Amino acid sequence: MQMSAEYVRRYRERIQQQGAREVLLKLPVETIATIDRMRDAEGAASRSDIVASLLHRALEAENALRTA
């Protein structure tokens, strides 16, 4: 499916209005498979939800180490 530049622009505007940004990640196939397993196990709606959750947990752990 070929998307027009206008379609992509509107999509990015909608994402930005939701307070988010789109990021393209280049990851090993094994990492994507792990994210997909986590998504399925947790019932998450998307890979983005899993990546955001992992980053949140990592930041919490880093803050806990800093304050310990």
C-alpha atoms as a PDB file:
ATOM      1  CA  MET A   1       0.000   0.000   0.000  1.00  0.00           C
ATOM      2  CA  GLN A   2       1.525   3.288  -1.133  1.00  0.00           C
ATOM      3  CA  MET A   3       0.705   6.168   1.215  1.00  0.00           C
ATOM      4  CA  SER A   4       0.560   9.699  -0.079  1.00  0.00           C
ATOM      5  CA  ALA A   5       2.627  12.426   1.510  1.00  0.00           C
ATOM      6  CA  GLU A   6      -0.623  14.106   2.587  1.00  0.00           C
ATOM      7  CA  TYR A   7      -1.829  10.944   4.338  1.00  0.00           C
ATOM      8  CA  VAL A   8       1.464  10.624   6.215  1.00  0.00           C
ATOM      9  CA  ARG A   9       1.399  14.312   7.172  1.00  0.00           C
ATOM     10  CA  ARG A  10      -2.137  14.004   8.582  1.00  0.00           C
ATOM     11  CA  TYR A  11      -1.209  10.806  10.426  1.00  0.00           C
ATOM     12  CA  ARG A  12       1.791  12.497  12.044  1.00  0.00           C
ATOM     13  CA  GLU A  13      -0.351  15.489  13.011  1.00  0.00           C
ATOM     14  CA  ARG A  14      -2.878  13.171  14.723  1.00  0.00           C
ATOM     15  CA  ILE A  15      -0.096  11.419  16.616  1.00  0.00           C
ATOM     16  CA  GLN A  16       1.396  14.745  17.702  1.00  0.00           C
ATOM     17  CA  GLN A  17      -2.020  15.999  18.855  1.00  0.00           C
ATOM     18  CA  GLN A  18      -2.146  12.946  21.111  1.00  0.00           C
ATOM     19  CA  GLY A  19       1.112  14.069  22.707  1.00  0.00           C
ATOM     20  CA  ALA A  20       3.246  11.465  20.980  1.00  0.00           C
ATOM     21  CA  ARG A  21       5.860  11.209  18.262  1.00  0.00           C
ATOM     22  CA  GLU A  22       6.556   8.426  15.816  1.00  0.00           C
ATOM     23  CA  VAL A  23       9.986   6.787  15.993  1.00  0.00           C
ATOM     24  CA  LEU A  24      11.395   4.151  13.676  1.00  0.00           C
ATOM     25  CA  LEU A  25      13.554   1.574  15.449  1.00  0.00           C
ATOM     26  CA  LYS A  26      15.931  -0.827  13.769  1.00  0.00           C
ATOM     27  CA  LEU A  27      16.068  -3.911  15.992  1.00  0.00           C
ATOM     28  CA  PRO A  28      17.227  -7.512  15.599  1.00  0.00           C
ATOM     29  CA  VAL A  29      14.527  -9.999  14.609  1.00  0.00           C
ATOM     30  CA  GLU A  30      14.971 -11.787  17.945  1.00  0.00           C
ATOM     31  CA  THR A  31      14.249  -8.567  19.840  1.00  0.00           C
ATOM     32  CA  ILE A  32      11.067  -7.977  17.836  1.00  0.00           C
ATOM     33  CA  ALA A  33       9.993 -11.550  18.551  1.00  0.00           C
ATOM     34  CA  THR A  34      10.532 -10.942  22.278  1.00  0.00           C
ATOM     35  CA  ILE A  35       8.521  -7.719  22.141  1.00  0.00           C
ATOM     36  CA  ASP A  36       5.737  -9.565  20.310  1.00  0.00           C
ATOM     37  CA  ARG A  37       5.696 -12.333  22.950  1.00  0.00           C
ATOM     38  CA  MET A  38       5.528  -9.716  25.697  1.00  0.00           C
ATOM     39  CA  ARG A  39       2.738  -7.897  23.849  1.00  0.00           C
ATOM     40  CA  ASP A  40       0.716 -11.091  23.589  1.00  0.00           C
ATOM     41  CA  ALA A  41       1.384 -12.154  27.198  1.00  0.00           C
ATOM     42  CA  GLU A  42       0.453  -8.750  28.618  1.00  0.00           C
ATOM     43  CA  GLY A  43      -2.459  -8.186  26.250  1.00  0.00           C
ATOM     44  CA  ALA A  44      -0.935  -4.908  25.080  1.00  0.00           C
ATOM     45  CA  ALA A  45      -2.423  -3.184  22.059  1.00  0.00           C
ATOM     46  CA  SER A  46       0.869  -2.582  20.294  1.00  0.00           C
ATOM     47  CA  ARG A  47       4.628  -2.943  20.312  1.00  0.00           C
ATOM     48  CA  SER A  48       4.774   0.724  21.241  1.00  0.00           C
ATOM     49  CA  ASP A  49       2.999  -0.019  24.500  1.00  0.00           C
ATOM     50  CA  ILE A  50       5.613  -2.653  25.370  1.00  0.00           C
ATOM     51  CA  VAL A  51       8.579  -0.449  24.439  1.00  0.00           C
ATOM     52  CA  ALA A  52       7.140   2.441  26.463  1.00  0.00           C
ATOM     53  CA  SER A  53       6.548   0.126  29.438  1.00  0.00           C
ATOM     54  CA  LEU A  54      10.114  -1.216  29.277  1.00  0.00           C
ATOM     55  CA  LEU A  55      11.546   2.297  29.133  1.00  0.00           C
ATOM     56  CA  HIS A  56       9.380   3.368  32.066  1.00  0.00           C
ATOM     57  CA  ARG A  57      10.576   0.383  34.128  1.00  0.00           C
ATOM     58  CA  ALA A  58      14.207   1.084  33.227  1.00  0.00           C
ATOM     59  CA  LEU A  59      13.861   4.725  34.310  1.00  0.00           C
ATOM     60  CA  GLU A  60      12.212   3.690  37.572  1.00  0.00           C
ATOM     61  CA  ALA A  61      15.052   1.227  38.271  1.00  0.00           C
ATOM     62  CA  GLU A  62      17.659   3.868  37.460  1.00  0.00           C
ATOM     63  CA  ASN A  63      15.972   6.369  39.801  1.00  0.00           C
ATOM     64  CA  ALA A  64      15.772   3.753  42.565  1.00  0.00           C
ATOM     65  CA  LEU A  65      19.509   3.067  42.243  1.00  0.00           C
ATOM     66  CA  ARG A  66      20.274   6.767  42.340  1.00  0.00           C
ATOM     67  CA  THR A  67      18.297   7.360  45.495  1.00  0.00           C
ATOM     68  CA  ALA A  68      19.492   4.203  47.301  1.00  0.00           C
END
